[in-house]
C-alpha atoms as a PDB file:
ATOM      1  CA  GLN A   1     -11.246   8.833  -7.477  1.00  0.00           C
ATOM      2  CA  VAL A   2      -8.115   7.117  -6.109  1.00  0.00           C
ATOM      3  CA  GLN A   3      -5.180   6.531  -8.551  1.00  0.00           C
ATOM      4  CA  LEU A   4      -2.017   4.595  -7.920  1.00  0.00           C
ATOM      5  CA  VAL A   5       1.208   5.349  -9.825  1.00  0.00           C
ATOM      6  CA  GLU A   6       4.190   3.076  -9.608  1.00  0.00           C
ATOM      7  CA  SER A   7       7.825   3.976 -10.236  1.00  0.00           C
ATOM      8  CA  GLY A   8      11.225   2.458  -9.838  1.00  0.00           C
ATOM      9  CA  GLY A   9      11.209  -0.596 -12.003  1.00  0.00           C
ATOM     10  CA  GLY A  10      14.067  -1.489 -14.358  1.00  0.00           C
ATOM     11  CA  LEU A  11      16.740  -3.964 -15.263  1.00  0.00           C
ATOM     12  CA  VAL A  12      19.086  -5.395 -12.658  1.00  0.00           C
ATOM     13  CA  GLU A  13      21.567  -8.270 -12.519  1.00  0.00           C
ATOM     14  CA  PRO A  14      20.980 -11.354 -10.354  1.00  0.00           C
ATOM     15  CA  GLY A  15      21.883 -10.531  -6.770  1.00  0.00           C
ATOM     16  CA  GLY A  16      21.149  -6.842  -7.293  1.00  0.00           C
ATOM     17  CA  SER A  17      18.589  -4.514  -5.674  1.00  0.00           C
ATOM     18  CA  LEU A  18      15.780  -2.334  -6.761  1.00  0.00           C
ATOM     19  CA  SER A  19      13.372  -0.025  -5.002  1.00  0.00           C
ATOM     20  CA  LEU A  20       9.826   0.474  -6.099  1.00  0.00           C
ATOM     21  CA  SER A  21       7.484   3.216  -5.075  1.00  0.00           C
ATOM     22  CA  CYS A  22       3.741   3.715  -5.295  1.00  0.00           C
ATOM     23  CA  ALA A  23       2.056   7.064  -4.862  1.00  0.00           C
ATOM     24  CA  ALA A  24      -1.669   7.280  -4.247  1.00  0.00           C
ATOM     25  CA  SER A  25      -3.675  10.259  -5.167  1.00  0.00           C
ATOM     26  CA  GLY A  26      -7.335  11.203  -4.544  1.00  0.00           C
ATOM     27  CA  ARG A  27      -9.384  10.713  -1.453  1.00  0.00           C
ATOM     28  CA  ILE A  28      -7.708   7.565  -0.176  1.00  0.00           C
ATOM     29  CA  GLY A  29      -8.415   7.982   3.485  1.00  0.00           C
ATOM     30  CA  ASP A  30      -6.526   6.753   6.491  1.00  0.00           C
ATOM     31  CA  ASN A  31      -7.964   3.248   6.952  1.00  0.00           C
ATOM     32  CA  LYS A  32      -6.398   1.266   4.183  1.00  0.00           C
ATOM     33  CA  ARG A  33      -3.833  -1.311   3.329  1.00  0.00           C
ATOM     34  CA  MET A  34      -1.458  -0.945   0.333  1.00  0.00           C
ATOM     35  CA  GLY A  35       0.881  -3.363  -1.177  1.00  0.00           C
ATOM     36  CA  TRP A  36       2.411  -5.137  -4.158  1.00  0.00           C
ATOM     37  CA  TYR A  37       1.535  -7.892  -6.535  1.00  0.00           C
ATOM     38  CA  ARG A  38       3.614  -9.207  -9.352  1.00  0.00           C
ATOM     39  CA  GLN A  39       2.877 -11.069 -12.573  1.00  0.00           C
ATOM     40  CA  ALA A  40       5.554 -13.104 -14.306  1.00  0.00           C
ATOM     41  CA  PRO A  41       5.277 -13.791 -18.011  1.00  0.00           C
ATOM     42  CA  GLY A  42       2.630 -16.496 -18.546  1.00  0.00           C
ATOM     43  CA  LYS A  43       1.685 -16.709 -14.861  1.00  0.00           C
ATOM     44  CA  GLN A  44      -1.064 -15.401 -12.627  1.00  0.00           C
ATOM     45  CA  ARG A  45      -0.669 -12.285 -10.572  1.00  0.00           C
ATOM     46  CA  GLU A  46       0.577 -13.172  -7.113  1.00  0.00           C
ATOM     47  CA  PHE A  47       0.885 -11.392  -3.745  1.00  0.00           C
ATOM     48  CA  VAL A  48       4.215  -9.930  -2.777  1.00  0.00           C
ATOM     49  CA  ALA A  49       3.786  -7.779   0.261  1.00  0.00           C
ATOM     50  CA  LEU A  50       1.466  -5.281   1.992  1.00  0.00           C
ATOM     51  CA  VAL A  51       1.453  -2.804   4.769  1.00  0.00           C
ATOM     52  CA  THR A  52      -1.566  -1.751   6.850  1.00  0.00           C
ATOM     53  CA  SER A  53      -2.367   1.712   8.020  1.00  0.00           C
ATOM     54  CA  ARG A  54      -0.893   0.782  11.305  1.00  0.00           C
ATOM     55  CA  GLY A  55       2.355  -0.070   9.724  1.00  0.00           C
ATOM     56  CA  GLU A  56       2.089  -3.788  10.003  1.00  0.00           C
ATOM     57  CA  PRO A  57       3.835  -5.583   7.113  1.00  0.00           C
ATOM     58  CA  ASN A  58       2.929  -8.871   5.635  1.00  0.00           C
ATOM     59  CA  TYR A  59       5.073 -10.740   3.093  1.00  0.00           C
ATOM     60  CA  ALA A  60       4.774 -13.680   0.777  1.00  0.00           C
ATOM     61  CA  ASP A  61       7.084 -16.503   2.060  1.00  0.00           C
ATOM     62  CA  TYR A  62       9.198 -16.371  -1.034  1.00  0.00           C
ATOM     63  CA  VAL A  63      10.264 -12.733  -0.430  1.00  0.00           C
ATOM     64  CA  ARG A  64      10.469 -12.652   3.385  1.00  0.00           C
ATOM     65  CA  GLY A  65      13.939 -11.602   4.442  1.00  0.00           C
ATOM     66  CA  ARG A  66      14.835 -10.132   1.035  1.00  0.00           C
ATOM     67  CA  PHE A  67      12.104  -7.528   0.427  1.00  0.00           C
ATOM     68  CA  THR A  68      11.019  -4.760   2.745  1.00  0.00           C
ATOM     69  CA  ILE A  69       7.885  -2.746   2.472  1.00  0.00           C
ATOM     70  CA  SER A  70       7.483   0.671   4.071  1.00  0.00           C
ATOM     71  CA  ARG A  71       4.952   3.508   4.062  1.00  0.00           C
ATOM     72  CA  ASP A  72       4.844   7.251   4.262  1.00  0.00           C
ATOM     73  CA  ASN A  73       1.288   7.995   5.391  1.00  0.00           C
ATOM     74  CA  ALA A  74       1.793  11.757   5.016  1.00  0.00           C
ATOM     75  CA  GLN A  75       2.589  11.257   1.412  1.00  0.00           C
ATOM     76  CA  ASN A  76       0.246   8.265   0.840  1.00  0.00           C
ATOM     77  CA  THR A  77       3.201   6.454  -0.585  1.00  0.00           C
ATOM     78  CA  ILE A  78       4.610   3.019  -0.136  1.00  0.00           C
ATOM     79  CA  HIS A  79       7.995   1.645  -1.042  1.00  0.00           C
ATOM     80  CA  LEU A  80       9.340  -1.831  -1.716  1.00  0.00           C
ATOM     81  CA  GLN A  81      12.982  -2.414  -1.287  1.00  0.00           C
ATOM     82  CA  MET A  82      14.020  -5.592  -3.077  1.00  0.00           C
ATOM     83  CA  ASN A  83      17.369  -7.147  -2.359  1.00  0.00           C
ATOM     84  CA  ASN A  84      19.190 -10.292  -3.648  1.00  0.00           C
ATOM     85  CA  LEU A  85      16.951 -10.414  -6.689  1.00  0.00           C
ATOM     86  CA  GLU A  86      16.824 -13.603  -8.704  1.00  0.00           C
ATOM     87  CA  PRO A  87      15.648 -14.042 -12.319  1.00  0.00           C
ATOM     88  CA  ASP A  88      12.310 -15.491 -11.184  1.00  0.00           C
ATOM     89  CA  ALA A  89      11.556 -12.023  -9.663  1.00  0.00           C
ATOM     90  CA  THR A  90      11.113 -10.782 -13.284  1.00  0.00           C
ATOM     91  CA  GLY A  91       7.632  -9.475 -13.981  1.00  0.00           C
ATOM     92  CA  VAL A  92       5.312  -6.546 -13.774  1.00  0.00           C
ATOM     93  CA  TYR A  93       4.820  -5.227 -10.274  1.00  0.00           C
ATOM     94  CA  TYR A  94       1.439  -3.787  -9.511  1.00  0.00           C
ATOM     95  CA  CYS A  95       0.641  -1.502  -6.671  1.00  0.00           C
ATOM     96  CA  HIS A  96      -2.615  -2.484  -4.884  1.00  0.00           C
ATOM     97  CA  CYS A  97      -4.838  -0.695  -2.426  1.00  0.00           C
ATOM     98  CA  GLN A  98      -7.937  -1.596  -0.387  1.00  0.00           C
ATOM     99  CA  ARG A  99      -9.607   0.973   1.751  1.00  0.00           C
ATOM    100  CA  PHE A 100     -12.320   1.234   4.283  1.00  0.00           C
ATOM    101  CA  PRO A 101     -15.280   0.709   4.088  1.00  0.00           C
ATOM    102  CA  THR A 102     -15.695  -1.212   0.868  1.00  0.00           C
ATOM    103  CA  TRP A 103     -12.169  -2.809   0.709  1.00  0.00           C
ATOM    104  CA  LYS A 104     -12.554  -2.904  -3.084  1.00  0.00           C
ATOM    105  CA  SER A 105      -9.327  -3.484  -4.892  1.00  0.00           C
ATOM    106  CA  ILE A 106      -7.607  -0.576  -6.628  1.00  0.00           C
ATOM    107  CA  TRP A 107      -4.728  -1.288  -9.011  1.00  0.00           C
ATOM    108  CA  GLY A 108      -1.928   0.696 -10.540  1.00  0.00           C
ATOM    109  CA  ARG A 109      -0.778   0.191 -14.100  1.00  0.00           C
ATOM    110  CA  GLY A 110       2.384  -1.655 -13.049  1.00  0.00           C
ATOM    111  CA  THR A 111       6.089  -1.248 -13.476  1.00  0.00           C
ATOM    112  CA  GLN A 112       8.392  -3.725 -15.146  1.00  0.00           C
ATOM    113  CA  VAL A 113      11.157  -5.416 -13.167  1.00  0.00           C
ATOM    114  CA  THR A 114      13.639  -7.575 -15.118  1.00  0.00           C
ATOM    115  CA  VAL A 115      16.406  -9.559 -13.446  1.00  0.00           C
ATOM    116  CA  ARG A 116      18.890 -10.778 -15.996  1.00  0.00           C
ATOM    117  CA  GLY A 117      22.618 -11.249 -16.182  1.00  0.00           C
END
């Protein structure tokens, strides 16, 4: 069974940076896409970024240019570098994975990011 474990959340001031990581364990396979969603207080979970097995990134418009997603296939780990953070980035960030052949969603438990002066 595949498990996703996030790390790297915390408190940062506006304009600051944070890096998140997600490590996948279990038989995850090579053909997959992994990424991040976030859920702000009182709001629905929304897409942030993903990276495919071929290393192709995809970003939500509101983070493009400020966030960078990367992967380490050997370690089944992805990272999210978040720069120039604003208070509206506050929320719980969830690691997400979909893998061949079912492409069923797998979720981590989330890590809290708080942007506050």
